[in-house]
Amino acid sequence: MAMLNFNRPADYLDAAREMAKTGRPTLARLLAEEAADRTADTTEADRIRAEFNANSLRQED
């Protein structure tokens, strides 16, 4: 089994798209949020969040 590395926002975004494609919208949204958080460009981060437009499931303090 190949080991996946999550070093870049694109890695999280690729995984999010794969999860969405395989019927895992909750995991897709969480991965997309992580990709957006790791993206320096706020316009791009907003675009990522809009692509996965379900409500956030994160629990923030």
PDB file of N, CA and C in Angstrom:
ATOM      1  N   MET A   1       0.836  -1.174   0.000  1.00  0.00           N
ATOM      2  CA  MET A   1       0.000   0.000   0.000  1.00  0.00           C
ATOM      3  C   MET A   1       0.886   1.245   0.000  1.00  0.00           C
ATOM      4  N   ALA A   2       0.572   2.194  -0.863  1.00  0.00           N
ATOM      5  CA  ALA A   2       1.356   3.417  -0.968  1.00  0.00           C
ATOM      6  C   ALA A   2       1.025   4.347   0.200  1.00  0.00           C
ATOM      7  N   MET A   3       2.045   5.008   0.694  1.00  0.00           N
ATOM      8  CA  MET A   3       1.874   5.952   1.787  1.00  0.00           C
ATOM      9  C   MET A   3       1.594   7.327   1.200  1.00  0.00           C
ATOM     10  N   LEU A   4       0.524   7.955   1.642  1.00  0.00           N
ATOM     11  CA  LEU A   4       0.183   9.285   1.171  1.00  0.00           C
ATOM     12  C   LEU A   4       0.847  10.328   2.045  1.00  0.00           C
ATOM     13  N   ASN A   5       1.353  11.370   1.418  1.00  0.00           N
ATOM     14  CA  ASN A   5       1.937  12.489   2.142  1.00  0.00           C
ATOM     15  C   ASN A   5       1.039  13.700   1.987  1.00  0.00           C
ATOM     16  N   PHE A   6       0.794  14.368   3.073  1.00  0.00           N
ATOM     17  CA  PHE A   6      -0.001  15.584   3.056  1.00  0.00           C
ATOM     18  C   PHE A   6       0.904  16.728   3.464  1.00  0.00           C
ATOM     19  N   ASN A   7       1.629  17.261   2.476  1.00  0.00           N
ATOM     20  CA  ASN A   7       2.569  18.345   2.730  1.00  0.00           C
ATOM     21  C   ASN A   7       2.118  19.672   2.145  1.00  0.00           C
ATOM     22  N   ARG A   8       1.165  19.632   1.228  1.00  0.00           N
ATOM     23  CA  ARG A   8       0.747  20.839   0.523  1.00  0.00           C
ATOM     24  C   ARG A   8      -0.774  20.943   0.561  1.00  0.00           C
ATOM     25  N   PRO A   9      -1.295  22.162   0.422  1.00  0.00           N
ATOM     26  CA  PRO A   9      -2.749  22.298   0.345  1.00  0.00           C
ATOM     27  C   PRO A   9      -3.354  21.437  -0.762  1.00  0.00           C
ATOM     28  N   ALA A  10      -2.644  21.321  -1.871  1.00  0.00           N
ATOM     29  CA  ALA A  10      -3.151  20.516  -2.996  1.00  0.00           C
ATOM     30  C   ALA A  10      -3.330  19.056  -2.609  1.00  0.00           C
ATOM     31  N   ASP A  11      -2.505  18.541  -1.708  1.00  0.00           N
ATOM     32  CA  ASP A  11      -2.646  17.154  -1.253  1.00  0.00           C
ATOM     33  C   ASP A  11      -3.983  16.968  -0.532  1.00  0.00           C
ATOM     34  N   TYR A  12      -4.322  17.923   0.327  1.00  0.00           N
ATOM     35  CA  TYR A  12      -5.594  17.866   1.042  1.00  0.00           C
ATOM     36  C   TYR A  12      -6.763  18.032   0.081  1.00  0.00           C
ATOM     37  N   LEU A  13      -6.600  18.918  -0.890  1.00  0.00           N
ATOM     38  CA  LEU A  13      -7.666  19.156  -1.852  1.00  0.00           C
ATOM     39  C   LEU A  13      -7.897  17.943  -2.740  1.00  0.00           C
ATOM     40  N   ASP A  14      -6.829  17.304  -3.167  1.00  0.00           N
ATOM     41  CA  ASP A  14      -6.968  16.071  -3.959  1.00  0.00           C
ATOM     42  C   ASP A  14      -7.714  15.003  -3.162  1.00  0.00           C
ATOM     43  N   ALA A  15      -7.345  14.860  -1.902  1.00  0.00           N
ATOM     44  CA  ALA A  15      -8.006  13.875  -1.045  1.00  0.00           C
ATOM     45  C   ALA A  15      -9.477  14.247  -0.837  1.00  0.00           C
ATOM     46  N   ALA A  16      -9.759  15.534  -0.687  1.00  0.00           N
ATOM     47  CA  ALA A  16     -11.144  15.979  -0.512  1.00  0.00           C
ATOM     48  C   ALA A  16     -11.986  15.628  -1.731  1.00  0.00           C
ATOM     49  N   ARG A  17     -11.433  15.858  -2.894  1.00  0.00           N
ATOM     50  CA  ARG A  17     -12.172  15.530  -4.123  1.00  0.00           C
ATOM     51  C   ARG A  17     -12.406  14.027  -4.240  1.00  0.00           C
ATOM     52  N   GLU A  18     -11.424  13.250  -3.849  1.00  0.00           N
ATOM     53  CA  GLU A  18     -11.574  11.787  -3.892  1.00  0.00           C
ATOM     54  C   GLU A  18     -12.659  11.338  -2.912  1.00  0.00           C
ATOM     55  N   MET A  19     -12.675  11.919  -1.723  1.00  0.00           N
ATOM     56  CA  MET A  19     -13.695  11.559  -0.738  1.00  0.00           C
ATOM     57  C   MET A  19     -15.083  11.957  -1.230  1.00  0.00           C
ATOM     58  N   ALA A  20     -15.201  13.109  -1.851  1.00  0.00           N
ATOM     59  CA  ALA A  20     -16.493  13.541  -2.395  1.00  0.00           C
ATOM     60  C   ALA A  20     -16.955  12.592  -3.494  1.00  0.00           C
ATOM     61  N   LYS A  21     -16.026  12.195  -4.331  1.00  0.00           N
ATOM     62  CA  LYS A  21     -16.349  11.304  -5.444  1.00  0.00           C
ATOM     63  C   LYS A  21     -16.809   9.939  -4.955  1.00  0.00           C
ATOM     64  N   THR A  22     -16.308   9.499  -3.815  1.00  0.00           N
ATOM     65  CA  THR A  22     -16.649   8.178  -3.296  1.00  0.00           C
ATOM     66  C   THR A  22     -17.754   8.229  -2.235  1.00  0.00           C
ATOM     67  N   GLY A  23     -18.461   9.360  -2.176  1.00  0.00           N
ATOM     68  CA  GLY A  23     -19.627   9.445  -1.295  1.00  0.00           C
ATOM     69  C   GLY A  23     -19.328   9.710   0.165  1.00  0.00           C
ATOM     70  N   ARG A  24     -18.256  10.406   0.447  1.00  0.00           N
ATOM     71  CA  ARG A  24     -17.902  10.739   1.836  1.00  0.00           C
ATOM     72  C   ARG A  24     -17.852  12.265   1.997  1.00  0.00           C
ATOM     73  N   PRO A  25     -19.000  12.919   1.951  1.00  0.00           N
ATOM     74  CA  PRO A  25     -19.015  14.380   1.958  1.00  0.00           C
ATOM     75  C   PRO A  25     -18.487  15.018   3.234  1.00  0.00           C
ATOM     76  N   THR A  26     -18.692  14.380   4.361  1.00  0.00           N
ATOM     77  CA  THR A  26     -18.205  14.950   5.620  1.00  0.00           C
ATOM     78  C   THR A  26     -16.687  14.989   5.636  1.00  0.00           C
ATOM     79  N   LEU A  27     -16.065  13.895   5.298  1.00  0.00           N
ATOM     80  CA  LEU A  27     -14.603  13.853   5.245  1.00  0.00           C
ATOM     81  C   LEU A  27     -14.080  14.787   4.156  1.00  0.00           C
ATOM     82  N   ALA A  28     -14.782  14.860   3.042  1.00  0.00           N
ATOM     83  CA  ALA A  28     -14.383  15.766   1.960  1.00  0.00           C
ATOM     84  C   ALA A  28     -14.365  17.203   2.464  1.00  0.00           C
ATOM     85  N   ARG A  29     -15.393  17.596   3.188  1.00  0.00           N
ATOM     86  CA  ARG A  29     -15.466  18.971   3.692  1.00  0.00           C
ATOM     87  C   ARG A  29     -14.339  19.255   4.677  1.00  0.00           C
ATOM     88  N   LEU A  30     -14.062  18.334   5.574  1.00  0.00           N
ATOM     89  CA  LEU A  30     -12.985  18.543   6.547  1.00  0.00           C
ATOM     90  C   LEU A  30     -11.625  18.666   5.861  1.00  0.00           C
ATOM     91  N   LEU A  31     -11.375  17.828   4.869  1.00  0.00           N
ATOM     92  CA  LEU A  31     -10.117  17.910   4.126  1.00  0.00           C
ATOM     93  C   LEU A  31     -10.035  19.216   3.342  1.00  0.00           C
ATOM     94  N   ALA A  32     -11.146  19.647   2.769  1.00  0.00           N
ATOM     95  CA  ALA A  32     -11.163  20.908   2.023  1.00  0.00           C
ATOM     96  C   ALA A  32     -10.907  22.090   2.955  1.00  0.00           C
ATOM     97  N   GLU A  33     -11.478  22.054   4.147  1.00  0.00           N
ATOM     98  CA  GLU A  33     -11.223  23.127   5.108  1.00  0.00           C
ATOM     99  C   GLU A  33      -9.745  23.184   5.484  1.00  0.00           C
ATOM    100  N   GLU A  34      -9.135  22.027   5.643  1.00  0.00           N
ATOM    101  CA  GLU A  34      -7.702  21.993   5.957  1.00  0.00           C
ATOM    102  C   GLU A  34      -6.893  22.553   4.786  1.00  0.00           C
ATOM    103  N   ALA A  35      -7.267  22.200   3.573  1.00  0.00           N
ATOM    104  CA  ALA A  35      -6.588  22.744   2.389  1.00  0.00           C
ATOM    105  C   ALA A  35      -6.719  24.261   2.363  1.00  0.00           C
ATOM    106  N   ALA A  36      -7.914  24.758   2.623  1.00  0.00           N
ATOM    107  CA  ALA A  36      -8.141  26.205   2.625  1.00  0.00           C
ATOM    108  C   ALA A  36      -7.322  26.893   3.719  1.00  0.00           C
ATOM    109  N   ASP A  37      -7.272  26.291   4.889  1.00  0.00           N
ATOM    110  CA  ASP A  37      -6.489  26.871   5.993  1.00  0.00           C
ATOM    111  C   ASP A  37      -5.005  26.948   5.664  1.00  0.00           C
ATOM    112  N   ARG A  38      -4.523  26.025   4.854  1.00  0.00           N
ATOM    113  CA  ARG A  38      -3.103  25.982   4.509  1.00  0.00           C
ATOM    114  C   ARG A  38      -2.774  26.781   3.246  1.00  0.00           C
ATOM    115  N   THR A  39      -3.782  27.441   2.682  1.00  0.00           N
ATOM    116  CA  THR A  39      -3.613  28.233   1.472  1.00  0.00           C
ATOM    117  C   THR A  39      -3.416  29.689   1.851  1.00  0.00           C
ATOM    118  N   ALA A  40      -2.300  30.271   1.423  1.00  0.00           N
ATOM    119  CA  ALA A  40      -1.980  31.652   1.775  1.00  0.00           C
ATOM    120  C   ALA A  40      -2.887  32.663   1.072  1.00  0.00           C
ATOM    121  N   ASP A  41      -3.286  32.376  -0.134  1.00  0.00           N
ATOM    122  CA  ASP A  41      -4.124  33.274  -0.927  1.00  0.00           C
ATOM    123  C   ASP A  41      -5.574  33.156  -0.454  1.00  0.00           C
ATOM    124  N   THR A  42      -6.102  34.220   0.130  1.00  0.00           N
ATOM    125  CA  THR A  42      -7.451  34.157   0.697  1.00  0.00           C
ATOM    126  C   THR A  42      -8.518  33.959  -0.373  1.00  0.00           C
ATOM    127  N   THR A  43      -8.306  34.471  -1.566  1.00  0.00           N
ATOM    128  CA  THR A  43      -9.265  34.263  -2.649  1.00  0.00           C
ATOM    129  C   THR A  43      -9.337  32.787  -3.019  1.00  0.00           C
ATOM    130  N   GLU A  44      -8.181  32.154  -3.098  1.00  0.00           N
ATOM    131  CA  GLU A  44      -8.132  30.714  -3.406  1.00  0.00           C
ATOM    132  C   GLU A  44      -8.739  29.906  -2.265  1.00  0.00           C
ATOM    133  N   ALA A  45      -8.466  30.290  -1.031  1.00  0.00           N
ATOM    134  CA  ALA A  45      -9.046  29.592   0.124  1.00  0.00           C
ATOM    135  C   ALA A  45     -10.570  29.679   0.092  1.00  0.00           C
ATOM    136  N   ASP A  46     -11.097  30.846  -0.244  1.00  0.00           N
ATOM    137  CA  ASP A  46     -12.550  31.008  -0.362  1.00  0.00           C
ATOM    138  C   ASP A  46     -13.111  30.135  -1.482  1.00  0.00           C
ATOM    139  N   ARG A  47     -12.389  30.031  -2.588  1.00  0.00           N
ATOM    140  CA  ARG A  47     -12.824  29.199  -3.702  1.00  0.00           C
ATOM    141  C   ARG A  47     -12.883  27.730  -3.294  1.00  0.00           C
ATOM    142  N   ILE A  48     -11.882  27.295  -2.532  1.00  0.00           N
ATOM    143  CA  ILE A  48     -11.857  25.909  -2.056  1.00  0.00           C
ATOM    144  C   ILE A  48     -13.063  25.645  -1.165  1.00  0.00           C
ATOM    145  N   ARG A  49     -13.315  26.549  -0.231  1.00  0.00           N
ATOM    146  CA  ARG A  49     -14.459  26.370   0.673  1.00  0.00           C
ATOM    147  C   ARG A  49     -15.780  26.363  -0.104  1.00  0.00           C
ATOM    148  N   ALA A  50     -15.876  27.194  -1.139  1.00  0.00           N
ATOM    149  CA  ALA A  50     -17.106  27.251  -1.937  1.00  0.00           C
ATOM    150  C   ALA A  50     -17.314  25.962  -2.732  1.00  0.00           C
ATOM    151  N   GLU A  51     -16.218  25.339  -3.153  1.00  0.00           N
ATOM    152  CA  GLU A  51     -16.333  24.078  -3.900  1.00  0.00           C
ATOM    153  C   GLU A  51     -16.963  22.986  -3.033  1.00  0.00           C
ATOM    154  N   PHE A  52     -16.691  23.050  -1.747  1.00  0.00           N
ATOM    155  CA  PHE A  52     -17.233  22.080  -0.785  1.00  0.00           C
ATOM    156  C   PHE A  52     -18.135  22.860   0.163  1.00  0.00           C
ATOM    157  N   ASN A  53     -19.289  23.286  -0.328  1.00  0.00           N
ATOM    158  CA  ASN A  53     -20.098  24.295   0.335  1.00  0.00           C
ATOM    159  C   ASN A  53     -21.008  23.794   1.453  1.00  0.00           C
ATOM    160  N   ALA A  54     -20.861  22.574   1.899  1.00  0.00           N
ATOM    161  CA  ALA A  54     -21.653  22.118   3.048  1.00  0.00           C
ATOM    162  C   ALA A  54     -21.221  22.916   4.279  1.00  0.00           C
ATOM    163  N   ASN A  55     -22.060  22.949   5.275  1.00  0.00           N
ATOM    164  CA  ASN A  55     -21.713  23.657   6.501  1.00  0.00           C
ATOM    165  C   ASN A  55     -20.489  23.038   7.137  1.00  0.00           C
ATOM    166  N   SER A  56     -19.710  23.869   7.788  1.00  0.00           N
ATOM    167  CA  SER A  56     -18.505  23.384   8.460  1.00  0.00           C
ATOM    168  C   SER A  56     -18.880  22.440   9.593  1.00  0.00           C
ATOM    169  N   LEU A  57     -18.084  21.413   9.749  1.00  0.00           N
ATOM    170  CA  LEU A  57     -18.308  20.434  10.811  1.00  0.00           C
ATOM    171  C   LEU A  57     -17.246  20.519  11.902  1.00  0.00           C
ATOM    172  N   ARG A  58     -16.351  21.492  11.771  1.00  0.00           N
ATOM    173  CA  ARG A  58     -15.295  21.637  12.760  1.00  0.00           C
ATOM    174  C   ARG A  58     -15.844  22.138  14.078  1.00  0.00           C
ATOM    175  N   GLN A  59     -15.207  21.720  15.134  1.00  0.00           N
ATOM    176  CA  GLN A  59     -15.534  22.201  16.458  1.00  0.00           C
ATOM    177  C   GLN A  59     -14.405  23.106  16.895  1.00  0.00           C
ATOM    178  N   GLU A  60     -14.682  24.382  16.980  1.00  0.00           N
ATOM    179  CA  GLU A  60     -13.686  25.372  17.369  1.00  0.00           C
ATOM    180  C   GLU A  60     -13.923  25.780  18.808  1.00  0.00           C
ATOM    181  N   ASP A  61     -12.841  26.054  19.522  1.00  0.00           N
ATOM    182  CA  ASP A  61     -12.965  26.515  20.914  1.00  0.00           C
ATOM    183  C   ASP A  61     -13.268  27.986  20.960  1.00  0.00           C
TER     184      ASP A  61
END
